[in-house]
Amino acid sequence: KQEIKETKQGDFPLAIEIKQENEGIAWGAVYAQFQEDLDKVKTQGKELKVEKQLYVERLDTGNKILQPLNEGESVEIGDIVVSRLVLSSDRALDFVHLKDQKAACFEPVENLSGYRWSGSFNYYLDIKDAATHYYFDYFPKGVLIVESRYRIARSGEYEGGVSQLQSAYAPEFSSYAASQRVMVKED
């Protein structure tokens, strides 16, 4: 017989006590999950780090340039926004997953999922409605940069979404990049 007790203060558990009354080996795990407003999620990470910056693609004398999309600035319907993710690790890892959430007004410019090669590393790109997923079979020590391009489809005010980088085999190695507010002008 196993017994689990949980003490609460508000909605956050303070302690969990597990008691086994019979002899023998027992295995168990505790998984805690909670929900938070996207604008309250802060950037964090130690061994693995992800940094997210949004850019607006502009034309300057016929050349494409990327201008940073700063907090409080607005974009227009039809603009191209680039989500640049700078990933870093202090060690080589196998099987790492990156989830880059997107604002509800973003429509992916590229629609096909599949393997991608970028210099010395490769990954599988999975494009979904709410997020773009990157799967790395091998994640080298150092810094990697990946980008996704989106076209603004509708006006309003949106959360850009958080990005999460996590090792599949060692989930304690994880990182978050904070969300950024996106304001789209009315036509």
N, C-alpha and C. Protein backbone atom coordinates (compact mmCIF):
# COMPACT_ATOMS: atom_id res chain seq x y z
N LYS A 1 0.86 -1.18 0.00
CA LYS A 1 0.00 0.00 0.00
C LYS A 1 0.89 1.23 0.00
N GLN A 2 0.62 2.16 -0.87
CA GLN A 2 1.36 3.40 -0.92
C GLN A 2 0.40 4.56 -0.66
N GLU A 3 0.91 5.56 0.00
CA GLU A 3 0.08 6.69 0.37
C GLU A 3 0.79 7.97 -0.05
N ILE A 4 0.07 8.86 -0.69
CA ILE A 4 0.63 10.14 -1.10
C ILE A 4 -0.17 11.25 -0.45
N LYS A 5 0.54 12.13 0.23
CA LYS A 5 -0.09 13.29 0.86
C LYS A 5 0.42 14.55 0.19
N GLU A 6 -0.44 15.50 0.04
CA GLU A 6 -0.05 16.76 -0.58
C GLU A 6 -0.53 17.90 0.30
N THR A 7 0.37 18.82 0.59
CA THR A 7 0.03 20.00 1.37
C THR A 7 -0.04 21.18 0.43
N LYS A 8 -1.09 21.98 0.55
CA LYS A 8 -1.25 23.10 -0.37
C LYS A 8 -1.30 24.43 0.36
N GLN A 9 -0.78 25.42 -0.30
CA GLN A 9 -0.97 26.80 0.12
C GLN A 9 -1.40 27.51 -1.15
N GLY A 10 -2.67 27.87 -1.23
CA GLY A 10 -3.20 28.39 -2.49
C GLY A 10 -3.30 27.21 -3.44
N ASP A 11 -2.76 27.33 -4.64
CA ASP A 11 -2.78 26.25 -5.62
C ASP A 11 -1.40 25.66 -5.84
N PHE A 12 -0.42 26.00 -5.02
CA PHE A 12 0.94 25.52 -5.22
C PHE A 12 1.29 24.52 -4.14
N PRO A 13 1.64 23.27 -4.50
CA PRO A 13 1.99 22.27 -3.48
C PRO A 13 3.32 22.61 -2.80
N LEU A 14 3.34 22.54 -1.49
CA LEU A 14 4.56 22.82 -0.73
C LEU A 14 5.37 21.57 -0.45
N ALA A 15 4.68 20.46 -0.21
CA ALA A 15 5.40 19.23 0.12
C ALA A 15 4.60 18.02 -0.33
N ILE A 16 5.32 16.99 -0.69
CA ILE A 16 4.70 15.72 -1.06
C ILE A 16 5.38 14.65 -0.22
N GLU A 17 4.59 13.84 0.43
CA GLU A 17 5.12 12.77 1.27
C GLU A 17 4.66 11.43 0.71
N ILE A 18 5.60 10.52 0.46
CA ILE A 18 5.29 9.20 -0.06
C ILE A 18 5.71 8.17 0.98
N LYS A 19 4.79 7.26 1.28
CA LYS A 19 5.04 6.26 2.31
C LYS A 19 4.71 4.88 1.76
N GLN A 20 5.65 3.95 1.89
CA GLN A 20 5.43 2.57 1.45
C GLN A 20 5.41 1.69 2.68
N GLU A 21 4.31 0.94 2.85
CA GLU A 21 4.16 0.12 4.05
C GLU A 21 4.58 -1.33 3.86
N ASN A 22 4.77 -1.79 2.64
CA ASN A 22 5.21 -3.17 2.45
C ASN A 22 6.67 -3.19 2.03
N GLU A 23 7.28 -4.40 2.13
CA GLU A 23 8.68 -4.52 1.76
C GLU A 23 8.80 -4.73 0.26
N GLY A 24 9.96 -4.48 -0.25
CA GLY A 24 10.21 -4.67 -1.67
C GLY A 24 10.54 -3.35 -2.34
N ILE A 25 10.88 -3.48 -3.59
CA ILE A 25 11.29 -2.31 -4.35
C ILE A 25 10.05 -1.63 -4.92
N ALA A 26 10.08 -0.32 -4.89
CA ALA A 26 8.98 0.46 -5.48
C ALA A 26 9.58 1.59 -6.30
N TRP A 27 8.95 1.89 -7.40
CA TRP A 27 9.38 2.99 -8.25
C TRP A 27 8.26 4.02 -8.30
N GLY A 28 8.65 5.22 -8.52
CA GLY A 28 7.63 6.26 -8.63
C GLY A 28 8.21 7.51 -9.25
N ALA A 29 7.32 8.41 -9.56
CA ALA A 29 7.73 9.69 -10.12
C ALA A 29 6.71 10.73 -9.74
N VAL A 30 7.15 11.94 -9.69
CA VAL A 30 6.25 13.06 -9.43
C VAL A 30 6.39 14.04 -10.57
N TYR A 31 5.28 14.42 -11.14
CA TYR A 31 5.27 15.37 -12.24
C TYR A 31 4.36 16.52 -11.84
N ALA A 32 4.92 17.71 -11.78
CA ALA A 32 4.13 18.89 -11.40
C ALA A 32 3.91 19.75 -12.63
N GLN A 33 2.71 20.20 -12.81
CA GLN A 33 2.38 21.06 -13.95
C GLN A 33 1.44 22.15 -13.46
N PHE A 34 1.65 23.34 -13.98
CA PHE A 34 0.75 24.43 -13.65
C PHE A 34 0.64 25.34 -14.85
N GLN A 35 -0.34 26.21 -14.82
CA GLN A 35 -0.53 27.14 -15.92
C GLN A 35 -0.27 28.55 -15.44
N GLU A 36 0.31 29.35 -16.33
CA GLU A 36 0.65 30.73 -16.03
C GLU A 36 0.37 31.56 -17.27
N ASP A 37 0.04 32.82 -17.08
CA ASP A 37 -0.14 33.73 -18.20
C ASP A 37 1.19 33.87 -18.94
N LEU A 38 1.13 33.88 -20.28
CA LEU A 38 2.36 33.92 -21.07
C LEU A 38 3.22 35.14 -20.77
N ASP A 39 2.58 36.27 -20.50
CA ASP A 39 3.37 37.48 -20.25
C ASP A 39 4.09 37.45 -18.91
N LYS A 40 3.81 36.46 -18.06
CA LYS A 40 4.49 36.35 -16.77
C LYS A 40 5.65 35.35 -16.79
N VAL A 41 5.78 34.59 -17.88
CA VAL A 41 6.87 33.61 -18.01
C VAL A 41 8.16 34.38 -18.29
N LYS A 42 9.17 34.12 -17.52
CA LYS A 42 10.47 34.80 -17.65
C LYS A 42 11.48 33.89 -18.34
N THR A 43 12.46 34.51 -18.97
CA THR A 43 13.54 33.75 -19.60
C THR A 43 14.36 33.08 -18.52
N GLN A 44 14.65 31.79 -18.72
CA GLN A 44 15.46 31.05 -17.76
C GLN A 44 16.20 29.93 -18.46
N GLY A 45 17.26 29.48 -17.87
CA GLY A 45 18.04 28.37 -18.41
C GLY A 45 19.47 28.46 -17.93
N LYS A 46 20.11 27.30 -17.80
CA LYS A 46 21.49 27.28 -17.34
C LYS A 46 22.36 26.48 -18.32
N GLU A 47 22.25 25.16 -18.30
CA GLU A 47 23.05 24.33 -19.19
C GLU A 47 22.62 24.49 -20.64
N LEU A 48 21.32 24.52 -20.85
CA LEU A 48 20.73 24.81 -22.16
C LEU A 48 20.11 26.20 -22.07
N LYS A 49 20.27 26.98 -23.12
CA LYS A 49 19.68 28.33 -23.13
C LYS A 49 19.03 28.58 -24.48
N VAL A 50 17.91 29.27 -24.44
CA VAL A 50 17.25 29.71 -25.66
C VAL A 50 16.91 31.18 -25.50
N GLU A 51 17.24 31.95 -26.51
CA GLU A 51 16.90 33.38 -26.55
C GLU A 51 16.10 33.61 -27.81
N LYS A 52 14.99 34.35 -27.67
CA LYS A 52 14.10 34.58 -28.81
C LYS A 52 14.01 36.07 -29.08
N GLN A 53 14.15 36.42 -30.36
CA GLN A 53 13.97 37.81 -30.78
C GLN A 53 13.15 37.80 -32.06
N LEU A 54 12.18 38.70 -32.12
CA LEU A 54 11.36 38.86 -33.32
C LEU A 54 11.91 40.02 -34.14
N TYR A 55 11.94 39.82 -35.46
CA TYR A 55 12.41 40.84 -36.40
C TYR A 55 11.35 41.04 -37.48
N VAL A 56 11.29 42.25 -38.02
CA VAL A 56 10.42 42.54 -39.15
C VAL A 56 11.31 42.64 -40.38
N GLU A 57 10.91 41.95 -41.45
CA GLU A 57 11.68 41.97 -42.69
C GLU A 57 11.26 43.20 -43.50
N ARG A 58 12.22 44.04 -43.84
CA ARG A 58 11.96 45.26 -44.60
C ARG A 58 12.85 45.28 -45.83
N LEU A 59 12.47 46.08 -46.82
CA LEU A 59 13.30 46.29 -48.01
C LEU A 59 13.99 47.63 -47.89
N ASP A 60 15.30 47.64 -48.09
CA ASP A 60 16.09 48.86 -48.06
C ASP A 60 16.93 48.88 -49.34
N THR A 61 16.56 49.75 -50.25
CA THR A 61 17.20 49.86 -51.58
C THR A 61 17.33 48.49 -52.26
N GLY A 62 16.23 47.74 -52.22
CA GLY A 62 16.18 46.44 -52.89
C GLY A 62 16.74 45.28 -52.11
N ASN A 63 17.34 45.53 -50.95
CA ASN A 63 17.90 44.46 -50.11
C ASN A 63 17.00 44.21 -48.91
N LYS A 64 16.85 42.93 -48.55
CA LYS A 64 16.08 42.59 -47.36
C LYS A 64 16.93 42.83 -46.12
N ILE A 65 16.36 43.52 -45.15
CA ILE A 65 17.03 43.72 -43.86
C ILE A 65 16.07 43.32 -42.76
N LEU A 66 16.62 42.95 -41.62
CA LEU A 66 15.81 42.59 -40.46
C LEU A 66 15.91 43.69 -39.42
N GLN A 67 14.76 44.26 -39.06
CA GLN A 67 14.72 45.27 -38.00
C GLN A 67 14.12 44.62 -36.76
N PRO A 68 14.76 44.78 -35.61
CA PRO A 68 14.20 44.19 -34.39
C PRO A 68 12.81 44.75 -34.10
N LEU A 69 11.91 43.86 -33.71
CA LEU A 69 10.56 44.25 -33.30
C LEU A 69 10.59 44.42 -31.79
N ASN A 70 10.64 45.66 -31.36
CA ASN A 70 10.74 45.95 -29.93
C ASN A 70 9.37 46.02 -29.29
N GLU A 71 9.34 45.83 -28.00
CA GLU A 71 8.10 45.89 -27.22
C GLU A 71 7.43 47.24 -27.45
N GLY A 72 6.14 47.23 -27.77
CA GLY A 72 5.40 48.47 -27.98
C GLY A 72 5.32 48.91 -29.43
N GLU A 73 6.21 48.41 -30.29
CA GLU A 73 6.16 48.74 -31.71
C GLU A 73 5.09 47.90 -32.39
N SER A 74 4.49 48.43 -33.46
CA SER A 74 3.46 47.67 -34.14
C SER A 74 3.88 47.33 -35.57
N VAL A 75 3.25 46.31 -36.11
CA VAL A 75 3.48 45.87 -37.48
C VAL A 75 2.16 45.93 -38.23
N GLU A 76 2.20 45.66 -39.52
CA GLU A 76 0.99 45.73 -40.34
C GLU A 76 0.67 44.37 -40.94
N ILE A 77 -0.59 44.19 -41.32
CA ILE A 77 -1.00 42.96 -41.99
C ILE A 77 -0.18 42.82 -43.27
N GLY A 78 0.33 41.63 -43.51
CA GLY A 78 1.15 41.37 -44.70
C GLY A 78 2.64 41.43 -44.44
N ASP A 79 3.06 42.03 -43.33
CA ASP A 79 4.49 42.08 -42.98
C ASP A 79 5.01 40.67 -42.71
N ILE A 80 6.31 40.49 -42.98
CA ILE A 80 6.99 39.24 -42.65
C ILE A 80 7.73 39.44 -41.34
N VAL A 81 7.47 38.53 -40.38
CA VAL A 81 8.16 38.56 -39.09
C VAL A 81 9.03 37.31 -39.00
N VAL A 82 10.27 37.50 -38.57
CA VAL A 82 11.22 36.40 -38.42
C VAL A 82 11.42 36.16 -36.92
N SER A 83 11.21 34.92 -36.51
CA SER A 83 11.48 34.51 -35.14
C SER A 83 12.87 33.88 -35.13
N ARG A 84 13.83 34.59 -34.55
CA ARG A 84 15.22 34.09 -34.47
C ARG A 84 15.45 33.54 -33.08
N LEU A 85 15.88 32.28 -33.05
CA LEU A 85 16.15 31.60 -31.79
C LEU A 85 17.64 31.28 -31.71
N VAL A 86 18.27 31.80 -30.68
CA VAL A 86 19.69 31.53 -30.43
C VAL A 86 19.75 30.48 -29.32
N LEU A 87 20.26 29.31 -29.67
CA LEU A 87 20.31 28.17 -28.77
C LEU A 87 21.75 27.92 -28.35
N SER A 88 21.96 27.65 -27.08
CA SER A 88 23.32 27.35 -26.63
C SER A 88 23.30 26.24 -25.59
N SER A 89 24.39 25.49 -25.58
CA SER A 89 24.53 24.39 -24.65
C SER A 89 25.97 24.31 -24.17
N ASP A 90 26.15 23.95 -22.90
CA ASP A 90 27.51 23.82 -22.37
C ASP A 90 28.05 22.40 -22.54
N ARG A 91 27.27 21.53 -23.21
CA ARG A 91 27.68 20.15 -23.45
C ARG A 91 26.92 19.61 -24.66
N ALA A 92 27.46 18.59 -25.28
CA ALA A 92 26.77 17.94 -26.39
C ALA A 92 25.66 17.04 -25.82
N LEU A 93 24.51 17.05 -26.48
CA LEU A 93 23.37 16.25 -26.03
C LEU A 93 22.75 15.54 -27.22
N ASP A 94 22.09 14.43 -26.95
CA ASP A 94 21.32 13.73 -27.96
C ASP A 94 19.83 13.98 -27.73
N PHE A 95 19.08 14.06 -28.79
CA PHE A 95 17.63 14.18 -28.77
C PHE A 95 17.14 15.37 -27.94
N VAL A 96 17.21 16.53 -28.55
CA VAL A 96 16.76 17.78 -27.93
C VAL A 96 15.58 18.31 -28.72
N HIS A 97 14.59 18.81 -28.01
CA HIS A 97 13.37 19.33 -28.62
C HIS A 97 13.24 20.82 -28.34
N LEU A 98 12.92 21.57 -29.38
CA LEU A 98 12.67 23.01 -29.26
C LEU A 98 11.24 23.28 -29.72
N LYS A 99 10.46 23.91 -28.86
CA LYS A 99 9.09 24.30 -29.20
C LYS A 99 9.03 25.82 -29.21
N ASP A 100 8.72 26.38 -30.38
CA ASP A 100 8.63 27.83 -30.54
C ASP A 100 7.17 28.19 -30.79
N GLN A 101 6.49 28.65 -29.75
CA GLN A 101 5.09 29.05 -29.89
C GLN A 101 5.01 30.31 -30.73
N LYS A 102 3.90 30.48 -31.43
CA LYS A 102 3.75 31.64 -32.30
C LYS A 102 2.49 32.40 -31.93
N ALA A 103 2.48 33.68 -32.28
CA ALA A 103 1.30 34.52 -32.07
C ALA A 103 0.18 34.02 -32.98
N ALA A 104 -1.06 34.19 -32.56
CA ALA A 104 -2.20 33.71 -33.33
C ALA A 104 -2.34 34.43 -34.68
N CYS A 105 -1.71 35.57 -34.84
CA CYS A 105 -1.78 36.31 -36.11
C CYS A 105 -0.69 35.88 -37.09
N PHE A 106 0.22 35.00 -36.68
CA PHE A 106 1.33 34.55 -37.53
C PHE A 106 0.90 33.34 -38.37
N GLU A 107 1.11 33.43 -39.67
CA GLU A 107 0.92 32.29 -40.56
C GLU A 107 2.28 31.94 -41.15
N PRO A 108 2.70 30.68 -41.04
CA PRO A 108 4.04 30.30 -41.52
C PRO A 108 4.20 30.55 -43.02
N VAL A 109 5.34 31.10 -43.41
CA VAL A 109 5.65 31.29 -44.82
C VAL A 109 5.97 29.93 -45.43
N GLU A 110 6.70 29.10 -44.69
CA GLU A 110 7.03 27.74 -45.12
C GLU A 110 6.04 26.80 -44.47
N ASN A 111 5.40 25.93 -45.26
CA ASN A 111 4.34 25.09 -44.73
C ASN A 111 4.69 23.62 -44.60
N LEU A 112 5.80 23.20 -45.16
CA LEU A 112 6.13 21.78 -45.19
C LEU A 112 7.08 21.38 -44.07
N SER A 113 6.71 20.35 -43.35
CA SER A 113 7.59 19.79 -42.34
C SER A 113 8.62 18.89 -43.03
N GLY A 114 9.73 18.65 -42.35
CA GLY A 114 10.75 17.77 -42.91
C GLY A 114 12.12 18.08 -42.34
N TYR A 115 13.12 17.31 -42.80
CA TYR A 115 14.49 17.52 -42.34
C TYR A 115 15.09 18.77 -42.97
N ARG A 116 15.88 19.50 -42.18
CA ARG A 116 16.56 20.70 -42.65
C ARG A 116 18.03 20.58 -42.27
N TRP A 117 18.88 21.16 -43.10
CA TRP A 117 20.32 21.20 -42.85
C TRP A 117 20.74 22.64 -42.79
N SER A 118 21.51 22.98 -41.77
CA SER A 118 21.97 24.35 -41.60
C SER A 118 23.44 24.32 -41.20
N GLY A 119 24.29 24.37 -42.19
CA GLY A 119 25.72 24.33 -41.88
C GLY A 119 26.13 22.98 -41.35
N SER A 120 26.59 22.95 -40.09
CA SER A 120 27.14 21.72 -39.52
C SER A 120 26.11 20.93 -38.69
N PHE A 121 24.86 21.36 -38.64
CA PHE A 121 23.87 20.61 -37.87
C PHE A 121 22.60 20.44 -38.70
N ASN A 122 21.83 19.41 -38.32
CA ASN A 122 20.56 19.18 -38.98
C ASN A 122 19.48 18.94 -37.94
N TYR A 123 18.23 19.04 -38.36
CA TYR A 123 17.10 18.90 -37.44
C TYR A 123 15.86 18.57 -38.25
N TYR A 124 14.85 18.09 -37.56
CA TYR A 124 13.56 17.87 -38.18
C TYR A 124 12.65 19.02 -37.78
N LEU A 125 12.02 19.66 -38.75
CA LEU A 125 11.14 20.79 -38.53
C LEU A 125 9.70 20.31 -38.66
N ASP A 126 8.89 20.57 -37.64
CA ASP A 126 7.48 20.17 -37.62
C ASP A 126 6.64 21.42 -37.42
N ILE A 127 5.92 21.84 -38.46
CA ILE A 127 5.15 23.08 -38.42
C ILE A 127 3.71 22.76 -38.03
N LYS A 128 3.25 23.32 -36.94
CA LYS A 128 1.89 23.11 -36.43
C LYS A 128 1.16 24.45 -36.34
N ASP A 129 -0.11 24.40 -35.94
CA ASP A 129 -0.92 25.61 -35.85
C ASP A 129 -0.43 26.56 -34.76
N ALA A 130 -0.14 26.04 -33.58
CA ALA A 130 0.19 26.89 -32.44
C ALA A 130 1.69 27.08 -32.23
N ALA A 131 2.52 26.22 -32.83
CA ALA A 131 3.95 26.29 -32.58
C ALA A 131 4.72 25.61 -33.71
N THR A 132 5.99 25.95 -33.79
CA THR A 132 6.92 25.27 -34.68
C THR A 132 7.85 24.45 -33.80
N HIS A 133 8.00 23.17 -34.15
CA HIS A 133 8.82 22.25 -33.35
C HIS A 133 10.09 21.90 -34.12
N TYR A 134 11.21 21.88 -33.40
CA TYR A 134 12.50 21.48 -33.95
C TYR A 134 12.98 20.28 -33.15
N TYR A 135 13.38 19.22 -33.85
CA TYR A 135 13.89 18.01 -33.20
C TYR A 135 15.33 17.80 -33.65
N PHE A 136 16.23 17.82 -32.69
CA PHE A 136 17.66 17.64 -32.95
C PHE A 136 18.07 16.25 -32.48
N ASP A 137 18.52 15.38 -33.40
CA ASP A 137 19.04 14.08 -32.99
C ASP A 137 20.33 14.26 -32.20
N TYR A 138 21.14 15.20 -32.66
CA TYR A 138 22.40 15.52 -31.98
C TYR A 138 22.47 17.03 -31.83
N PHE A 139 22.68 17.48 -30.60
CA PHE A 139 22.76 18.90 -30.30
C PHE A 139 24.18 19.20 -29.82
N PRO A 140 25.01 19.85 -30.62
CA PRO A 140 26.42 20.04 -30.26
C PRO A 140 26.61 21.09 -29.17
N LYS A 141 27.75 21.02 -28.52
CA LYS A 141 28.14 22.04 -27.56
C LYS A 141 28.39 23.33 -28.34
N GLY A 142 27.93 24.45 -27.80
CA GLY A 142 28.13 25.73 -28.47
C GLY A 142 26.82 26.43 -28.77
N VAL A 143 26.82 27.22 -29.84
CA VAL A 143 25.68 28.07 -30.18
C VAL A 143 25.13 27.70 -31.56
N LEU A 144 23.81 27.55 -31.64
CA LEU A 144 23.10 27.31 -32.90
C LEU A 144 22.06 28.41 -33.08
N ILE A 145 21.77 28.75 -34.32
CA ILE A 145 20.74 29.75 -34.61
C ILE A 145 19.76 29.15 -35.60
N VAL A 146 18.47 29.19 -35.26
CA VAL A 146 17.42 28.76 -36.18
C VAL A 146 16.41 29.89 -36.32
N GLU A 147 15.76 29.95 -37.48
CA GLU A 147 14.80 31.01 -37.75
C GLU A 147 13.56 30.45 -38.41
N SER A 148 12.43 31.06 -38.12
CA SER A 148 11.17 30.77 -38.80
C SER A 148 10.58 32.08 -39.28
N ARG A 149 9.99 32.04 -40.49
CA ARG A 149 9.40 33.25 -41.07
C ARG A 149 7.88 33.11 -41.05
N TYR A 150 7.21 34.20 -40.65
CA TYR A 150 5.75 34.23 -40.57
C TYR A 150 5.23 35.49 -41.26
N ARG A 151 4.05 35.38 -41.84
CA ARG A 151 3.37 36.54 -42.42
C ARG A 151 2.23 36.92 -41.47
N ILE A 152 2.10 38.22 -41.22
CA ILE A 152 1.03 38.72 -40.35
C ILE A 152 -0.30 38.60 -41.11
N ALA A 153 -1.29 37.93 -40.50
CA ALA A 153 -2.54 37.64 -41.18
C ALA A 153 -3.73 38.48 -40.69
N ARG A 154 -3.69 39.00 -39.48
CA ARG A 154 -4.84 39.76 -38.96
C ARG A 154 -4.40 40.76 -37.90
N SER A 155 -5.22 41.77 -37.73
CA SER A 155 -4.89 42.85 -36.80
C SER A 155 -5.29 42.47 -35.37
N GLY A 156 -4.76 43.20 -34.42
CA GLY A 156 -5.07 42.99 -33.02
C GLY A 156 -3.81 43.01 -32.17
N GLU A 157 -3.97 42.56 -30.93
CA GLU A 157 -2.86 42.50 -29.99
C GLU A 157 -2.70 41.06 -29.54
N TYR A 158 -1.48 40.51 -29.65
CA TYR A 158 -1.24 39.10 -29.42
C TYR A 158 0.00 38.87 -28.56
N GLU A 159 0.04 37.70 -27.91
CA GLU A 159 1.25 37.25 -27.25
C GLU A 159 2.05 36.44 -28.26
N GLY A 160 3.34 36.72 -28.37
CA GLY A 160 4.20 36.04 -29.33
C GLY A 160 4.49 34.60 -28.98
N GLY A 161 4.25 34.19 -27.74
CA GLY A 161 4.48 32.81 -27.32
C GLY A 161 5.87 32.60 -26.76
N VAL A 162 5.98 31.65 -25.85
CA VAL A 162 7.27 31.31 -25.26
C VAL A 162 7.95 30.25 -26.11
N SER A 163 9.24 30.11 -25.93
CA SER A 163 10.01 29.05 -26.58
C SER A 163 10.61 28.18 -25.49
N GLN A 164 10.56 26.86 -25.70
CA GLN A 164 11.11 25.93 -24.72
C GLN A 164 12.09 25.01 -25.40
N LEU A 165 13.28 24.89 -24.82
CA LEU A 165 14.33 23.99 -25.29
C LEU A 165 14.56 22.97 -24.19
N GLN A 166 14.46 21.65 -24.54
CA GLN A 166 14.58 20.63 -23.51
C GLN A 166 15.17 19.34 -24.07
N SER A 167 16.02 18.72 -23.27
CA SER A 167 16.58 17.42 -23.62
C SER A 167 15.53 16.34 -23.36
N ALA A 168 15.35 15.44 -24.32
CA ALA A 168 14.36 14.37 -24.17
C ALA A 168 14.81 13.33 -23.15
N TYR A 169 16.11 13.02 -23.11
CA TYR A 169 16.61 12.00 -22.19
C TYR A 169 16.96 12.55 -20.82
N ALA A 170 17.21 13.82 -20.73
CA ALA A 170 17.54 14.45 -19.45
C ALA A 170 16.70 15.72 -19.32
N PRO A 171 15.40 15.59 -18.99
CA PRO A 171 14.50 16.75 -18.99
C PRO A 171 14.87 17.84 -17.98
N GLU A 172 15.79 17.54 -17.07
CA GLU A 172 16.24 18.60 -16.16
C GLU A 172 17.05 19.67 -16.89
N PHE A 173 17.54 19.33 -18.08
CA PHE A 173 18.21 20.32 -18.93
C PHE A 173 17.14 20.97 -19.81
N SER A 174 16.68 22.12 -19.37
CA SER A 174 15.64 22.82 -20.13
C SER A 174 15.81 24.32 -19.97
N SER A 175 15.17 25.04 -20.87
CA SER A 175 15.29 26.49 -20.88
C SER A 175 14.02 27.07 -21.49
N TYR A 176 13.70 28.30 -21.09
CA TYR A 176 12.55 29.03 -21.63
C TYR A 176 12.99 30.41 -22.09
N ALA A 177 12.37 30.87 -23.16
CA ALA A 177 12.53 32.26 -23.60
C ALA A 177 11.17 32.93 -23.43
N ALA A 178 11.16 34.13 -22.89
CA ALA A 178 9.93 34.84 -22.58
C ALA A 178 9.16 35.21 -23.84
N SER A 179 7.87 35.40 -23.66
CA SER A 179 6.99 35.82 -24.74
C SER A 179 7.13 37.33 -24.97
N GLN A 180 6.79 37.76 -26.16
CA GLN A 180 6.83 39.18 -26.50
C GLN A 180 5.48 39.57 -27.09
N ARG A 181 4.95 40.70 -26.67
CA ARG A 181 3.66 41.17 -27.17
C ARG A 181 3.82 41.67 -28.60
N VAL A 182 2.86 41.30 -29.47
CA VAL A 182 2.86 41.72 -30.87
C VAL A 182 1.58 42.52 -31.12
N MET A 183 1.77 43.75 -31.60
CA MET A 183 0.61 44.60 -31.92
C MET A 183 0.57 44.81 -33.42
N VAL A 184 -0.61 44.52 -34.02
CA VAL A 184 -0.79 44.64 -35.45
C VAL A 184 -1.81 45.73 -35.71
N LYS A 185 -1.43 46.73 -36.54
CA LYS A 185 -2.30 47.86 -36.84
C LYS A 185 -3.52 47.42 -37.63
N GLU A 186 -4.62 48.13 -37.42
CA GLU A 186 -5.83 47.93 -38.23
C GLU A 186 -5.57 48.51 -39.62
N ASP A 187 -6.20 47.93 -40.63
CA ASP A 187 -6.06 48.47 -41.99
C ASP A 187 -6.75 49.80 -42.14
